[in-house]
Amino acid sequence: MSAVPLLLALPLGLLAGCSKPEPSAPAQASFTALASACTQFLAARQPHVRPSGPGEWTLTGYSPALVQPEVTRTESPVTPYVGKLVIKDNEAQAHAPTEAAAQTITLTPAHLLSNRTHTFIYSFDGQQWRWQNGQRLTKIPGKNDLMEAVTLPEVSATGPKGFAGCLPR
């Protein structure tokens, strides 16, 4: 056996021990359940009609959301895990002169208003997940991208714009 393959194998063996351990079963399982509840909540959203000005009504709807969960082990004994949900969806809008007319509209890709990416950060204290913060990146064709913080009251809203199903119970 040549010394060169042995010398190459040694650093690779040392690097294998440097990776962070996988999340614990309770942390991973409960975060997977949170992501599943979030996905189901977002899948149940229905288009909604609201007045948008004198003699105008707006129908707003959302595409099915792609929810991507991630759990990472930290070095902190207080917060041994952090979790992240990245939620991607599209927002579409159409306008009509009456509420009844707005309710009959079928939203299509031609009604696309924006592509949105919500990123929510959670911490796990060894017992339960807690929502920490969030942000929304909105991309509107022909306009500058908009990055904004999302507050807990916005996230906890149960209406069609809220994300209450994406909060730990």
N, C-alpha and C. Protein backbone atom coordinates (compact mmCIF):
# COMPACT_ATOMS: atom_id res chain seq x y z
N MET A 1 0.85 -1.18 0.00
CA MET A 1 0.00 0.00 0.00
C MET A 1 0.89 1.23 0.00
N SER A 2 0.57 2.14 -0.85
CA SER A 2 1.36 3.37 -0.98
C SER A 2 1.03 4.33 0.15
N ALA A 3 1.95 5.19 0.50
CA ALA A 3 1.75 6.17 1.57
C ALA A 3 0.85 7.31 1.12
N VAL A 4 0.76 7.57 -0.19
CA VAL A 4 -0.05 8.70 -0.69
C VAL A 4 -1.54 8.49 -0.40
N PRO A 5 -2.14 7.34 -0.72
CA PRO A 5 -3.56 7.17 -0.39
C PRO A 5 -3.81 7.25 1.11
N LEU A 6 -2.88 6.73 1.92
CA LEU A 6 -3.05 6.79 3.36
C LEU A 6 -3.01 8.23 3.84
N LEU A 7 -2.12 9.04 3.29
CA LEU A 7 -2.03 10.45 3.67
C LEU A 7 -3.28 11.22 3.26
N LEU A 8 -3.89 10.86 2.14
CA LEU A 8 -5.12 11.51 1.70
C LEU A 8 -6.30 11.08 2.55
N ALA A 9 -6.32 9.85 2.99
CA ALA A 9 -7.43 9.34 3.79
C ALA A 9 -7.44 9.94 5.18
N LEU A 10 -6.28 10.23 5.75
CA LEU A 10 -6.20 10.77 7.10
C LEU A 10 -6.94 12.10 7.25
N PRO A 11 -6.70 13.12 6.38
CA PRO A 11 -7.46 14.37 6.53
C PRO A 11 -8.96 14.18 6.33
N LEU A 12 -9.34 13.30 5.42
CA LEU A 12 -10.77 13.07 5.20
C LEU A 12 -11.40 12.44 6.43
N GLY A 13 -10.68 11.54 7.08
CA GLY A 13 -11.19 10.92 8.31
C GLY A 13 -11.33 11.94 9.42
N LEU A 14 -10.41 12.87 9.52
CA LEU A 14 -10.48 13.91 10.54
C LEU A 14 -11.64 14.87 10.28
N LEU A 15 -11.88 15.21 9.01
CA LEU A 15 -12.98 16.11 8.66
C LEU A 15 -14.34 15.50 8.96
N ALA A 16 -14.44 14.20 8.85
CA ALA A 16 -15.73 13.55 9.11
C ALA A 16 -16.21 13.81 10.52
N GLY A 17 -15.31 13.96 11.47
CA GLY A 17 -15.69 14.23 12.84
C GLY A 17 -16.01 15.68 13.11
N CYS A 18 -15.82 16.57 12.15
CA CYS A 18 -16.02 18.00 12.35
C CYS A 18 -17.46 18.45 12.10
N SER A 19 -18.26 17.63 11.47
CA SER A 19 -19.61 18.08 11.16
C SER A 19 -20.45 18.13 12.43
N LYS A 20 -21.44 19.01 12.44
CA LYS A 20 -22.32 19.13 13.59
C LYS A 20 -23.22 17.91 13.65
N PRO A 21 -23.56 17.46 14.85
CA PRO A 21 -24.45 16.31 14.96
C PRO A 21 -25.84 16.65 14.43
N GLU A 22 -26.54 15.62 14.04
CA GLU A 22 -27.91 15.81 13.55
C GLU A 22 -28.80 16.29 14.70
N PRO A 23 -29.88 17.00 14.36
CA PRO A 23 -30.81 17.44 15.41
C PRO A 23 -31.39 16.23 16.15
N SER A 24 -31.71 16.46 17.42
CA SER A 24 -32.29 15.39 18.23
C SER A 24 -33.65 14.99 17.67
N ALA A 25 -34.05 13.79 17.98
CA ALA A 25 -35.34 13.29 17.50
C ALA A 25 -36.51 14.17 17.95
N PRO A 26 -36.58 14.60 19.24
CA PRO A 26 -37.71 15.46 19.63
C PRO A 26 -37.71 16.80 18.90
N ALA A 27 -36.54 17.42 18.74
CA ALA A 27 -36.47 18.71 18.05
C ALA A 27 -36.88 18.54 16.59
N GLN A 28 -36.32 17.54 15.92
CA GLN A 28 -36.62 17.33 14.51
C GLN A 28 -38.09 16.94 14.31
N ALA A 29 -38.59 16.04 15.13
CA ALA A 29 -39.98 15.58 14.98
C ALA A 29 -40.97 16.72 15.21
N SER A 30 -40.74 17.52 16.24
CA SER A 30 -41.68 18.60 16.51
C SER A 30 -41.58 19.70 15.46
N PHE A 31 -40.39 19.91 14.89
CA PHE A 31 -40.28 20.93 13.84
C PHE A 31 -40.91 20.41 12.53
N THR A 32 -40.77 19.13 12.28
CA THR A 32 -41.44 18.53 11.11
C THR A 32 -42.95 18.67 11.25
N ALA A 33 -43.47 18.47 12.45
CA ALA A 33 -44.91 18.64 12.70
C ALA A 33 -45.33 20.10 12.49
N LEU A 34 -44.49 21.04 12.94
CA LEU A 34 -44.78 22.46 12.74
C LEU A 34 -44.81 22.79 11.24
N ALA A 35 -43.84 22.29 10.49
CA ALA A 35 -43.80 22.54 9.04
C ALA A 35 -45.02 21.93 8.36
N SER A 36 -45.44 20.76 8.80
CA SER A 36 -46.62 20.10 8.22
C SER A 36 -47.88 20.91 8.52
N ALA A 37 -48.03 21.39 9.76
CA ALA A 37 -49.19 22.21 10.13
C ALA A 37 -49.20 23.51 9.32
N CYS A 38 -48.03 24.09 9.13
CA CYS A 38 -47.91 25.32 8.33
C CYS A 38 -48.35 25.06 6.89
N THR A 39 -47.86 23.97 6.32
CA THR A 39 -48.22 23.62 4.94
C THR A 39 -49.72 23.43 4.80
N GLN A 40 -50.34 22.72 5.74
CA GLN A 40 -51.79 22.49 5.69
C GLN A 40 -52.56 23.79 5.85
N PHE A 41 -52.12 24.65 6.76
CA PHE A 41 -52.77 25.94 6.97
C PHE A 41 -52.73 26.77 5.69
N LEU A 42 -51.57 26.83 5.06
CA LEU A 42 -51.42 27.64 3.85
C LEU A 42 -52.19 27.04 2.67
N ALA A 43 -52.29 25.72 2.61
CA ALA A 43 -53.02 25.06 1.53
C ALA A 43 -54.53 25.35 1.62
N ALA A 44 -55.00 25.65 2.82
CA ALA A 44 -56.43 25.92 3.01
C ALA A 44 -56.83 27.37 2.71
N ARG A 45 -55.86 28.22 2.38
CA ARG A 45 -56.20 29.63 2.09
C ARG A 45 -57.12 29.71 0.87
N GLN A 46 -58.07 30.59 0.97
CA GLN A 46 -59.00 30.83 -0.13
C GLN A 46 -58.85 32.27 -0.60
N PRO A 47 -59.10 32.55 -1.88
CA PRO A 47 -59.09 33.94 -2.34
C PRO A 47 -60.10 34.76 -1.53
N HIS A 48 -59.80 36.03 -1.32
CA HIS A 48 -60.70 36.88 -0.56
C HIS A 48 -60.93 38.20 -1.30
N VAL A 49 -62.12 38.75 -1.10
CA VAL A 49 -62.53 40.00 -1.76
C VAL A 49 -62.61 41.09 -0.70
N ARG A 50 -62.05 42.25 -1.04
CA ARG A 50 -62.07 43.40 -0.14
C ARG A 50 -62.34 44.66 -0.97
N PRO A 51 -63.00 45.65 -0.36
CA PRO A 51 -63.13 46.93 -1.06
C PRO A 51 -61.75 47.57 -1.18
N SER A 52 -61.48 48.19 -2.32
CA SER A 52 -60.16 48.80 -2.51
C SER A 52 -60.25 50.27 -2.90
N GLY A 53 -61.42 50.81 -2.91
CA GLY A 53 -61.61 52.21 -3.26
C GLY A 53 -63.05 52.43 -3.66
N PRO A 54 -63.41 53.65 -3.92
CA PRO A 54 -64.79 53.92 -4.35
C PRO A 54 -65.11 53.18 -5.65
N GLY A 55 -66.10 52.32 -5.61
CA GLY A 55 -66.52 51.61 -6.81
C GLY A 55 -65.53 50.56 -7.29
N GLU A 56 -64.65 50.07 -6.39
CA GLU A 56 -63.70 49.05 -6.82
C GLU A 56 -63.53 48.01 -5.71
N TRP A 57 -63.49 46.76 -6.16
CA TRP A 57 -63.28 45.63 -5.26
C TRP A 57 -62.08 44.84 -5.77
N THR A 58 -61.31 44.28 -4.84
CA THR A 58 -60.12 43.54 -5.22
C THR A 58 -60.22 42.10 -4.71
N LEU A 59 -59.97 41.17 -5.62
CA LEU A 59 -59.87 39.76 -5.28
C LEU A 59 -58.39 39.43 -5.17
N THR A 60 -57.98 38.87 -4.03
CA THR A 60 -56.59 38.49 -3.82
C THR A 60 -56.53 37.00 -3.51
N GLY A 61 -55.60 36.32 -4.14
CA GLY A 61 -55.41 34.90 -3.89
C GLY A 61 -53.93 34.56 -3.88
N TYR A 62 -53.62 33.38 -3.38
CA TYR A 62 -52.24 32.94 -3.23
C TYR A 62 -52.07 31.57 -3.86
N SER A 63 -50.92 31.35 -4.46
CA SER A 63 -50.63 30.04 -5.02
C SER A 63 -50.37 29.06 -3.89
N PRO A 64 -50.40 27.77 -4.19
CA PRO A 64 -49.99 26.82 -3.15
C PRO A 64 -48.56 27.14 -2.71
N ALA A 65 -48.35 27.12 -1.42
CA ALA A 65 -47.04 27.50 -0.88
C ALA A 65 -46.09 26.32 -0.82
N LEU A 66 -44.85 26.60 -1.10
CA LEU A 66 -43.78 25.63 -0.91
C LEU A 66 -43.15 25.95 0.44
N VAL A 67 -43.22 25.01 1.38
CA VAL A 67 -42.68 25.21 2.73
C VAL A 67 -41.44 24.34 2.87
N GLN A 68 -40.30 24.99 3.12
CA GLN A 68 -39.03 24.29 3.25
C GLN A 68 -38.51 24.44 4.68
N PRO A 69 -38.53 23.34 5.47
CA PRO A 69 -38.04 23.41 6.86
C PRO A 69 -36.57 23.05 6.96
N GLU A 70 -35.91 23.62 7.97
CA GLU A 70 -34.51 23.30 8.24
C GLU A 70 -34.26 23.44 9.74
N VAL A 71 -33.62 22.44 10.34
CA VAL A 71 -33.25 22.48 11.75
C VAL A 71 -31.73 22.38 11.84
N THR A 72 -31.14 23.25 12.67
CA THR A 72 -29.69 23.27 12.83
C THR A 72 -29.34 23.21 14.31
N ARG A 73 -28.38 22.37 14.65
CA ARG A 73 -27.87 22.28 16.02
C ARG A 73 -26.95 23.46 16.25
N THR A 74 -27.03 24.05 17.45
CA THR A 74 -26.15 25.16 17.82
C THR A 74 -25.20 24.69 18.91
N GLU A 75 -24.34 25.57 19.33
CA GLU A 75 -23.41 25.27 20.43
C GLU A 75 -23.97 25.76 21.77
N SER A 76 -25.13 26.39 21.76
CA SER A 76 -25.70 26.99 22.96
C SER A 76 -26.48 25.96 23.79
N PRO A 77 -26.21 25.88 25.09
CA PRO A 77 -27.01 24.99 25.93
C PRO A 77 -28.42 25.55 26.18
N VAL A 78 -28.59 26.87 26.04
CA VAL A 78 -29.89 27.50 26.25
C VAL A 78 -30.81 27.30 25.04
N THR A 79 -30.25 27.41 23.86
CA THR A 79 -30.99 27.22 22.62
C THR A 79 -30.21 26.21 21.78
N PRO A 80 -30.39 24.93 22.06
CA PRO A 80 -29.57 23.94 21.35
C PRO A 80 -29.90 23.77 19.87
N TYR A 81 -31.06 24.27 19.44
CA TYR A 81 -31.46 24.14 18.03
C TYR A 81 -32.13 25.41 17.56
N VAL A 82 -31.93 25.74 16.30
CA VAL A 82 -32.70 26.79 15.64
C VAL A 82 -33.36 26.15 14.42
N GLY A 83 -34.51 26.67 14.10
CA GLY A 83 -35.23 26.16 12.94
C GLY A 83 -35.57 27.31 12.01
N LYS A 84 -35.72 26.98 10.76
CA LYS A 84 -36.06 27.99 9.76
C LYS A 84 -37.12 27.39 8.83
N LEU A 85 -38.16 28.16 8.59
CA LEU A 85 -39.14 27.82 7.56
C LEU A 85 -39.02 28.86 6.46
N VAL A 86 -38.80 28.41 5.24
CA VAL A 86 -38.80 29.28 4.08
C VAL A 86 -40.08 28.95 3.32
N ILE A 87 -40.94 29.94 3.16
CA ILE A 87 -42.24 29.75 2.53
C ILE A 87 -42.26 30.58 1.25
N LYS A 88 -42.45 29.91 0.14
CA LYS A 88 -42.50 30.60 -1.16
C LYS A 88 -43.90 30.46 -1.73
N ASP A 89 -44.45 31.59 -2.14
CA ASP A 89 -45.76 31.57 -2.81
C ASP A 89 -45.88 32.78 -3.73
N ASN A 90 -46.95 32.82 -4.45
CA ASN A 90 -47.25 33.94 -5.34
C ASN A 90 -48.55 34.58 -4.89
N GLU A 91 -48.65 35.88 -5.09
CA GLU A 91 -49.85 36.62 -4.77
C GLU A 91 -50.43 37.13 -6.09
N ALA A 92 -51.72 36.92 -6.27
CA ALA A 92 -52.39 37.39 -7.49
C ALA A 92 -53.57 38.27 -7.09
N GLN A 93 -53.85 39.28 -7.94
CA GLN A 93 -54.97 40.18 -7.68
C GLN A 93 -55.70 40.51 -8.96
N ALA A 94 -57.00 40.71 -8.80
CA ALA A 94 -57.84 41.18 -9.90
C ALA A 94 -58.83 42.18 -9.32
N HIS A 95 -59.28 43.10 -10.15
CA HIS A 95 -60.17 44.17 -9.69
C HIS A 95 -61.47 44.12 -10.47
N ALA A 96 -62.55 44.55 -9.81
CA ALA A 96 -63.87 44.60 -10.43
C ALA A 96 -64.67 45.75 -9.82
N PRO A 97 -65.70 46.21 -10.52
CA PRO A 97 -66.47 47.35 -10.00
C PRO A 97 -67.41 47.01 -8.86
N THR A 98 -67.76 45.72 -8.71
CA THR A 98 -68.66 45.31 -7.63
C THR A 98 -68.09 44.11 -6.89
N GLU A 99 -68.58 43.91 -5.68
CA GLU A 99 -68.13 42.76 -4.90
C GLU A 99 -68.54 41.46 -5.59
N ALA A 100 -69.75 41.41 -6.10
CA ALA A 100 -70.23 40.20 -6.78
C ALA A 100 -69.38 39.88 -8.01
N ALA A 101 -69.01 40.90 -8.76
CA ALA A 101 -68.19 40.68 -9.96
C ALA A 101 -66.79 40.19 -9.56
N ALA A 102 -66.24 40.73 -8.47
CA ALA A 102 -64.92 40.31 -8.02
C ALA A 102 -64.94 38.85 -7.57
N GLN A 103 -66.03 38.42 -6.96
CA GLN A 103 -66.13 37.04 -6.47
C GLN A 103 -66.22 36.03 -7.61
N THR A 104 -66.61 36.45 -8.78
CA THR A 104 -66.73 35.52 -9.91
C THR A 104 -65.44 35.38 -10.72
N ILE A 105 -64.44 36.17 -10.40
CA ILE A 105 -63.18 36.13 -11.16
C ILE A 105 -62.41 34.86 -10.82
N THR A 106 -61.85 34.24 -11.82
CA THR A 106 -60.93 33.12 -11.63
C THR A 106 -59.52 33.66 -11.83
N LEU A 107 -58.72 33.60 -10.78
CA LEU A 107 -57.36 34.12 -10.87
C LEU A 107 -56.51 33.19 -11.75
N THR A 108 -55.69 33.80 -12.60
CA THR A 108 -54.80 33.07 -13.50
C THR A 108 -53.39 33.65 -13.37
N PRO A 109 -52.40 33.04 -14.00
CA PRO A 109 -51.05 33.62 -13.96
C PRO A 109 -51.00 35.06 -14.49
N ALA A 110 -51.94 35.44 -15.32
CA ALA A 110 -51.96 36.81 -15.83
C ALA A 110 -52.26 37.82 -14.72
N HIS A 111 -52.83 37.37 -13.61
CA HIS A 111 -53.15 38.25 -12.48
C HIS A 111 -52.01 38.34 -11.45
N LEU A 112 -50.85 37.74 -11.75
CA LEU A 112 -49.73 37.72 -10.81
C LEU A 112 -49.37 39.13 -10.35
N LEU A 113 -49.36 39.31 -9.06
CA LEU A 113 -48.95 40.59 -8.48
C LEU A 113 -47.50 40.49 -8.02
N SER A 114 -47.16 39.41 -7.31
CA SER A 114 -45.80 39.30 -6.77
C SER A 114 -45.44 37.85 -6.46
N ASN A 115 -44.14 37.61 -6.43
CA ASN A 115 -43.57 36.38 -5.91
C ASN A 115 -43.08 36.73 -4.51
N ARG A 116 -43.39 35.88 -3.54
CA ARG A 116 -43.01 36.20 -2.15
C ARG A 116 -42.22 35.05 -1.53
N THR A 117 -41.26 35.42 -0.71
CA THR A 117 -40.51 34.45 0.09
C THR A 117 -40.54 34.93 1.53
N HIS A 118 -41.16 34.15 2.39
CA HIS A 118 -41.20 34.44 3.82
C HIS A 118 -40.16 33.54 4.50
N THR A 119 -39.38 34.12 5.39
CA THR A 119 -38.41 33.35 6.16
C THR A 119 -38.71 33.57 7.63
N PHE A 120 -39.06 32.48 8.33
CA PHE A 120 -39.37 32.55 9.75
C PHE A 120 -38.30 31.77 10.51
N ILE A 121 -37.81 32.37 11.59
CA ILE A 121 -36.78 31.76 12.42
C ILE A 121 -37.39 31.38 13.78
N TYR A 122 -37.06 30.19 14.24
CA TYR A 122 -37.56 29.65 15.50
C TYR A 122 -36.38 29.18 16.34
N SER A 123 -36.58 29.13 17.66
CA SER A 123 -35.56 28.55 18.54
C SER A 123 -36.21 27.43 19.35
N PHE A 124 -35.41 26.45 19.70
CA PHE A 124 -35.87 25.30 20.49
C PHE A 124 -35.07 25.27 21.77
N ASP A 125 -35.76 25.29 22.91
CA ASP A 125 -35.08 25.34 24.21
C ASP A 125 -34.90 23.95 24.83
N GLY A 126 -35.13 22.91 24.07
CA GLY A 126 -35.05 21.55 24.58
C GLY A 126 -36.42 20.98 24.87
N GLN A 127 -37.43 21.86 24.97
CA GLN A 127 -38.80 21.42 25.26
C GLN A 127 -39.77 21.80 24.14
N GLN A 128 -39.65 23.05 23.67
CA GLN A 128 -40.60 23.52 22.65
C GLN A 128 -39.96 24.56 21.74
N TRP A 129 -40.59 24.74 20.57
CA TRP A 129 -40.15 25.74 19.59
C TRP A 129 -40.81 27.07 19.90
N ARG A 130 -40.09 28.15 19.66
CA ARG A 130 -40.63 29.52 19.81
C ARG A 130 -40.29 30.30 18.55
N TRP A 131 -41.27 31.08 18.08
CA TRP A 131 -41.04 31.95 16.92
C TRP A 131 -40.15 33.10 17.37
N GLN A 132 -39.12 33.43 16.59
CA GLN A 132 -38.19 34.49 16.95
C GLN A 132 -38.35 35.74 16.08
N ASN A 133 -38.37 35.55 14.77
CA ASN A 133 -38.50 36.70 13.87
C ASN A 133 -38.81 36.21 12.46
N GLY A 134 -39.08 37.15 11.61
CA GLY A 134 -39.37 36.79 10.23
C GLY A 134 -39.17 37.97 9.30
N GLN A 135 -39.09 37.63 8.03
CA GLN A 135 -38.98 38.67 7.00
C GLN A 135 -39.67 38.19 5.74
N ARG A 136 -40.04 39.14 4.92
CA ARG A 136 -40.70 38.84 3.65
C ARG A 136 -39.95 39.55 2.54
N LEU A 137 -39.60 38.80 1.52
CA LEU A 137 -39.02 39.35 0.30
C LEU A 137 -40.11 39.30 -0.76
N THR A 138 -40.46 40.45 -1.30
CA THR A 138 -41.50 40.54 -2.32
C THR A 138 -40.87 41.00 -3.61
N LYS A 139 -41.12 40.23 -4.65
CA LYS A 139 -40.62 40.57 -5.98
C LYS A 139 -41.83 40.86 -6.85
N ILE A 140 -41.92 42.11 -7.30
CA ILE A 140 -43.01 42.54 -8.17
C ILE A 140 -42.40 42.84 -9.54
N PRO A 141 -42.90 42.19 -10.57
CA PRO A 141 -42.32 42.44 -11.90
C PRO A 141 -42.30 43.94 -12.22
N GLY A 142 -41.16 44.41 -12.71
CA GLY A 142 -41.01 45.81 -13.11
C GLY A 142 -40.77 46.77 -11.97
N LYS A 143 -40.62 46.28 -10.75
CA LYS A 143 -40.36 47.15 -9.60
C LYS A 143 -39.18 46.60 -8.81
N ASN A 144 -38.65 47.43 -7.91
CA ASN A 144 -37.57 46.99 -7.04
C ASN A 144 -38.09 45.96 -6.04
N ASP A 145 -37.24 45.01 -5.69
CA ASP A 145 -37.59 44.04 -4.66
C ASP A 145 -37.78 44.76 -3.34
N LEU A 146 -38.65 44.22 -2.50
CA LEU A 146 -38.94 44.83 -1.20
C LEU A 146 -38.70 43.80 -0.11
N MET A 147 -37.81 44.13 0.83
CA MET A 147 -37.54 43.27 1.98
C MET A 147 -38.09 43.97 3.20
N GLU A 148 -38.92 43.26 3.97
CA GLU A 148 -39.49 43.87 5.16
C GLU A 148 -39.58 42.87 6.29
N ALA A 149 -39.45 43.38 7.51
CA ALA A 149 -39.60 42.53 8.69
C ALA A 149 -41.07 42.16 8.83
N VAL A 150 -41.30 40.98 9.36
CA VAL A 150 -42.65 40.51 9.64
C VAL A 150 -42.76 40.37 11.15
N THR A 151 -43.79 40.97 11.73
CA THR A 151 -43.95 40.96 13.18
C THR A 151 -44.80 39.77 13.62
N LEU A 152 -44.72 39.45 14.89
CA LEU A 152 -45.51 38.35 15.45
C LEU A 152 -47.01 38.58 15.26
N PRO A 153 -47.53 39.80 15.48
CA PRO A 153 -48.97 40.00 15.23
C PRO A 153 -49.37 39.72 13.77
N GLU A 154 -48.51 40.07 12.82
CA GLU A 154 -48.81 39.77 11.41
C GLU A 154 -48.83 38.27 11.17
N VAL A 155 -47.85 37.58 11.73
CA VAL A 155 -47.75 36.14 11.55
C VAL A 155 -48.92 35.43 12.23
N SER A 156 -49.29 35.88 13.41
CA SER A 156 -50.33 35.19 14.18
C SER A 156 -51.74 35.47 13.69
N ALA A 157 -51.91 36.38 12.73
CA ALA A 157 -53.24 36.68 12.20
C ALA A 157 -53.86 35.42 11.57
N THR A 158 -55.15 35.23 11.82
CA THR A 158 -55.82 34.04 11.30
C THR A 158 -56.44 34.27 9.93
N GLY A 159 -56.53 35.50 9.50
CA GLY A 159 -57.14 35.82 8.21
C GLY A 159 -56.31 35.33 7.05
N PRO A 160 -56.75 35.64 5.84
CA PRO A 160 -56.07 35.14 4.65
C PRO A 160 -54.63 35.64 4.47
N LYS A 161 -54.28 36.75 5.11
CA LYS A 161 -52.92 37.26 5.00
C LYS A 161 -52.02 36.74 6.12
N GLY A 162 -52.59 36.08 7.11
CA GLY A 162 -51.82 35.62 8.27
C GLY A 162 -51.15 34.27 8.06
N PHE A 163 -50.35 33.91 9.05
CA PHE A 163 -49.61 32.65 9.03
C PHE A 163 -49.77 31.93 10.37
N ALA A 164 -50.94 32.06 11.00
CA ALA A 164 -51.15 31.50 12.34
C ALA A 164 -50.82 30.02 12.39
N GLY A 165 -51.03 29.28 11.34
CA GLY A 165 -50.72 27.86 11.33
C GLY A 165 -49.25 27.55 11.29
N CYS A 166 -48.42 28.59 11.17
CA CYS A 166 -46.97 28.40 11.11
C CYS A 166 -46.31 28.75 12.45
N LEU A 167 -47.13 28.92 13.49
CA LEU A 167 -46.60 29.20 14.81
C LEU A 167 -46.67 27.95 15.68
N PRO A 168 -45.68 27.76 16.54
CA PRO A 168 -45.73 26.60 17.45
C PRO A 168 -46.95 26.67 18.35
N ARG A 169 -47.50 25.54 18.64
CA ARG A 169 -48.69 25.47 19.55
C ARG A 169 -48.26 25.04 20.91
